[in-house]
Amino acid sequence: MDAARPYLAAFSSRFLLMLQYRAAAIAGFATQCWWGGIKVMIYAAFFAAAPAAAATSPLSLPRSSPTPGSPRRSWP
């Protein structure tokens, strides 16, 4: 059992390091989703508050929130 102790220590330290990295990655993803949802709600509120202005706006609500994975485009 003494021969396996260094391997167990290396495995446990590597596991804890990767667990910390994954927790930070999940927290970053959750933060981006949270703020993205708030941004979409703000856009929806602006477009719902002034339908006449939204009709003449060069930016529509579907164009204001890109689908996940799509590249951001500049104006037409």
N, C-alpha and C. Protein backbone atom coordinates (compact mmCIF):
# COMPACT_ATOMS: atom_id res chain seq x y z
N MET A 1 0.82 -1.19 0.00
CA MET A 1 0.00 0.00 0.00
C MET A 1 0.87 1.25 0.00
N ASP A 2 2.06 1.17 0.57
CA ASP A 2 2.94 2.34 0.60
C ASP A 2 3.43 2.71 -0.80
N ALA A 3 3.48 1.76 -1.70
CA ALA A 3 3.95 2.03 -3.06
C ALA A 3 2.91 2.84 -3.84
N ALA A 4 1.66 2.71 -3.49
CA ALA A 4 0.59 3.39 -4.22
C ALA A 4 0.33 4.80 -3.69
N ARG A 5 0.87 5.14 -2.54
CA ARG A 5 0.60 6.44 -1.93
C ARG A 5 0.99 7.63 -2.83
N PRO A 6 2.15 7.65 -3.48
CA PRO A 6 2.47 8.79 -4.36
C PRO A 6 1.51 8.91 -5.54
N TYR A 7 1.09 7.76 -6.07
CA TYR A 7 0.15 7.79 -7.19
C TYR A 7 -1.21 8.30 -6.76
N LEU A 8 -1.65 7.90 -5.60
CA LEU A 8 -2.93 8.39 -5.07
C LEU A 8 -2.87 9.89 -4.80
N ALA A 9 -1.74 10.36 -4.29
CA ALA A 9 -1.58 11.79 -4.02
C ALA A 9 -1.59 12.59 -5.33
N ALA A 10 -0.90 12.09 -6.33
CA ALA A 10 -0.89 12.77 -7.63
C ALA A 10 -2.28 12.77 -8.26
N PHE A 11 -2.97 11.64 -8.18
CA PHE A 11 -4.31 11.55 -8.74
C PHE A 11 -5.27 12.49 -8.03
N SER A 12 -5.21 12.52 -6.71
CA SER A 12 -6.16 13.37 -5.97
C SER A 12 -5.87 14.85 -6.19
N SER A 13 -4.60 15.23 -6.28
CA SER A 13 -4.30 16.65 -6.53
C SER A 13 -4.72 17.06 -7.93
N ARG A 14 -4.52 16.19 -8.91
CA ARG A 14 -4.95 16.49 -10.27
C ARG A 14 -6.48 16.55 -10.36
N PHE A 15 -7.14 15.65 -9.66
CA PHE A 15 -8.61 15.65 -9.64
C PHE A 15 -9.15 16.94 -9.04
N LEU A 16 -8.56 17.39 -7.95
CA LEU A 16 -9.01 18.64 -7.32
C LEU A 16 -8.75 19.84 -8.22
N LEU A 17 -7.64 19.83 -8.92
CA LEU A 17 -7.32 20.93 -9.84
C LEU A 17 -8.35 20.99 -10.98
N MET A 18 -8.66 19.85 -11.55
CA MET A 18 -9.64 19.80 -12.65
C MET A 18 -11.04 20.13 -12.14
N LEU A 19 -11.35 19.74 -10.92
CA LEU A 19 -12.65 20.06 -10.34
C LEU A 19 -12.80 21.57 -10.16
N GLN A 20 -11.73 22.23 -9.74
CA GLN A 20 -11.74 23.68 -9.59
C GLN A 20 -11.92 24.35 -10.95
N TYR A 21 -11.23 23.85 -11.97
CA TYR A 21 -11.35 24.41 -13.31
C TYR A 21 -12.77 24.24 -13.84
N ARG A 22 -13.35 23.07 -13.66
CA ARG A 22 -14.71 22.82 -14.16
C ARG A 22 -15.73 23.67 -13.42
N ALA A 23 -15.55 23.85 -12.13
CA ALA A 23 -16.48 24.70 -11.37
C ALA A 23 -16.41 26.14 -11.87
N ALA A 24 -15.21 26.64 -12.16
CA ALA A 24 -15.07 27.99 -12.68
C ALA A 24 -15.67 28.11 -14.08
N ALA A 25 -15.52 27.08 -14.90
CA ALA A 25 -16.10 27.11 -16.24
C ALA A 25 -17.63 27.10 -16.18
N ILE A 26 -18.20 26.31 -15.31
CA ILE A 26 -19.65 26.26 -15.16
C ILE A 26 -20.17 27.58 -14.61
N ALA A 27 -19.45 28.17 -13.67
CA ALA A 27 -19.86 29.46 -13.12
C ALA A 27 -19.79 30.55 -14.19
N GLY A 28 -18.79 30.52 -15.03
CA GLY A 28 -18.69 31.49 -16.12
C GLY A 28 -19.82 31.33 -17.12
N PHE A 29 -20.16 30.09 -17.44
CA PHE A 29 -21.27 29.84 -18.36
C PHE A 29 -22.59 30.33 -17.76
N ALA A 30 -22.81 30.06 -16.49
CA ALA A 30 -24.04 30.50 -15.83
C ALA A 30 -24.12 32.03 -15.80
N THR A 31 -22.99 32.69 -15.57
CA THR A 31 -22.96 34.15 -15.55
C THR A 31 -23.31 34.71 -16.93
N GLN A 32 -22.73 34.13 -17.98
CA GLN A 32 -23.03 34.60 -19.34
C GLN A 32 -24.51 34.38 -19.68
N CYS A 33 -25.07 33.26 -19.27
CA CYS A 33 -26.50 33.01 -19.53
C CYS A 33 -27.37 34.00 -18.77
N TRP A 34 -27.01 34.28 -17.53
CA TRP A 34 -27.77 35.23 -16.71
C TRP A 34 -27.80 36.61 -17.35
N TRP A 35 -26.63 37.16 -17.68
CA TRP A 35 -26.57 38.50 -18.26
C TRP A 35 -27.14 38.52 -19.67
N GLY A 36 -27.01 37.45 -20.42
CA GLY A 36 -27.64 37.38 -21.74
C GLY A 36 -29.15 37.42 -21.64
N GLY A 37 -29.71 36.72 -20.65
CA GLY A 37 -31.15 36.76 -20.43
C GLY A 37 -31.63 38.14 -20.04
N ILE A 38 -30.86 38.82 -19.20
CA ILE A 38 -31.22 40.19 -18.81
C ILE A 38 -31.19 41.11 -20.03
N LYS A 39 -30.18 40.95 -20.88
CA LYS A 39 -30.08 41.78 -22.07
C LYS A 39 -31.26 41.56 -23.00
N VAL A 40 -31.66 40.32 -23.20
CA VAL A 40 -32.81 40.02 -24.05
C VAL A 40 -34.09 40.60 -23.44
N MET A 41 -34.24 40.52 -22.13
CA MET A 41 -35.43 41.10 -21.49
C MET A 41 -35.46 42.62 -21.64
N ILE A 42 -34.30 43.27 -21.57
CA ILE A 42 -34.25 44.72 -21.76
C ILE A 42 -34.66 45.07 -23.19
N TYR A 43 -34.12 44.34 -24.17
CA TYR A 43 -34.51 44.59 -25.56
C TYR A 43 -36.01 44.37 -25.74
N ALA A 44 -36.54 43.29 -25.18
CA ALA A 44 -37.97 43.00 -25.33
C ALA A 44 -38.81 44.10 -24.69
N ALA A 45 -38.37 44.63 -23.55
CA ALA A 45 -39.11 45.71 -22.90
C ALA A 45 -39.09 46.97 -23.75
N PHE A 46 -37.94 47.29 -24.34
CA PHE A 46 -37.87 48.48 -25.20
C PHE A 46 -38.77 48.33 -26.43
N PHE A 47 -38.75 47.18 -27.04
CA PHE A 47 -39.56 46.97 -28.23
C PHE A 47 -41.05 46.91 -27.90
N ALA A 48 -41.41 46.39 -26.73
CA ALA A 48 -42.82 46.32 -26.34
C ALA A 48 -43.33 47.69 -25.89
N ALA A 49 -42.46 48.54 -25.36
CA ALA A 49 -42.90 49.83 -24.84
C ALA A 49 -43.26 50.81 -25.95
N ALA A 50 -42.63 50.70 -27.08
CA ALA A 50 -42.87 51.64 -28.18
C ALA A 50 -43.01 50.86 -29.49
N PRO A 51 -44.19 50.28 -29.75
CA PRO A 51 -44.35 49.48 -30.97
C PRO A 51 -44.15 50.29 -32.25
N ALA A 52 -44.56 51.56 -32.25
CA ALA A 52 -44.39 52.37 -33.46
C ALA A 52 -42.91 52.62 -33.74
N ALA A 53 -42.16 52.90 -32.72
CA ALA A 53 -40.73 53.11 -32.90
C ALA A 53 -40.03 51.81 -33.27
N ALA A 54 -40.50 50.69 -32.72
CA ALA A 54 -39.90 49.40 -33.04
C ALA A 54 -40.15 49.02 -34.50
N ALA A 55 -41.28 49.46 -35.05
CA ALA A 55 -41.59 49.13 -36.44
C ALA A 55 -40.66 49.85 -37.40
N THR A 56 -40.21 51.03 -37.04
CA THR A 56 -39.31 51.79 -37.92
C THR A 56 -37.84 51.62 -37.55
N SER A 57 -37.58 50.86 -36.54
CA SER A 57 -36.19 50.68 -36.09
C SER A 57 -35.42 49.81 -37.09
N PRO A 58 -34.15 50.12 -37.33
CA PRO A 58 -33.37 49.29 -38.24
C PRO A 58 -32.98 47.94 -37.62
N LEU A 59 -33.22 47.78 -36.33
CA LEU A 59 -32.87 46.56 -35.64
C LEU A 59 -34.13 45.94 -35.06
N SER A 60 -34.46 44.74 -35.48
CA SER A 60 -35.64 44.07 -34.95
C SER A 60 -35.26 43.24 -33.72
N LEU A 61 -36.25 42.82 -32.97
CA LEU A 61 -35.97 42.03 -31.77
C LEU A 61 -35.26 40.72 -32.09
N PRO A 62 -35.67 39.95 -33.11
CA PRO A 62 -34.91 38.73 -33.41
C PRO A 62 -33.46 38.99 -33.81
N ARG A 63 -33.17 40.12 -34.45
CA ARG A 63 -31.79 40.42 -34.82
C ARG A 63 -30.98 40.93 -33.64
N SER A 64 -31.66 41.38 -32.57
CA SER A 64 -30.93 41.93 -31.44
C SER A 64 -30.35 40.86 -30.54
N SER A 65 -30.86 39.65 -30.62
CA SER A 65 -30.33 38.55 -29.81
C SER A 65 -29.95 37.41 -30.73
N PRO A 66 -28.64 37.26 -31.05
CA PRO A 66 -28.22 36.22 -31.98
C PRO A 66 -28.42 34.84 -31.38
N THR A 67 -28.62 33.86 -32.23
CA THR A 67 -28.76 32.50 -31.77
C THR A 67 -27.41 32.00 -31.28
N PRO A 68 -27.41 31.07 -30.34
CA PRO A 68 -26.13 30.55 -29.84
C PRO A 68 -25.33 29.90 -30.96
N GLY A 69 -24.08 30.22 -31.01
CA GLY A 69 -23.19 29.63 -31.99
C GLY A 69 -23.10 30.41 -33.28
N SER A 70 -23.97 31.38 -33.48
CA SER A 70 -23.90 32.16 -34.72
C SER A 70 -22.91 33.31 -34.53
N PRO A 71 -22.16 33.62 -35.58
CA PRO A 71 -21.22 34.74 -35.45
C PRO A 71 -21.96 36.06 -35.42
N ARG A 72 -21.41 37.02 -34.71
CA ARG A 72 -22.02 38.33 -34.66
C ARG A 72 -21.75 39.05 -35.98
N ARG A 73 -22.79 39.64 -36.51
CA ARG A 73 -22.65 40.33 -37.78
C ARG A 73 -22.73 41.83 -37.57
N SER A 74 -22.06 42.55 -38.43
CA SER A 74 -22.23 44.00 -38.40
C SER A 74 -23.49 44.32 -39.19
N TRP A 75 -23.76 45.57 -39.39
CA TRP A 75 -24.96 45.97 -40.12
C TRP A 75 -24.96 45.38 -41.51
N PRO A 76 -26.16 45.20 -42.09
CA PRO A 76 -26.34 44.43 -43.34
C PRO A 76 -25.18 44.57 -44.25
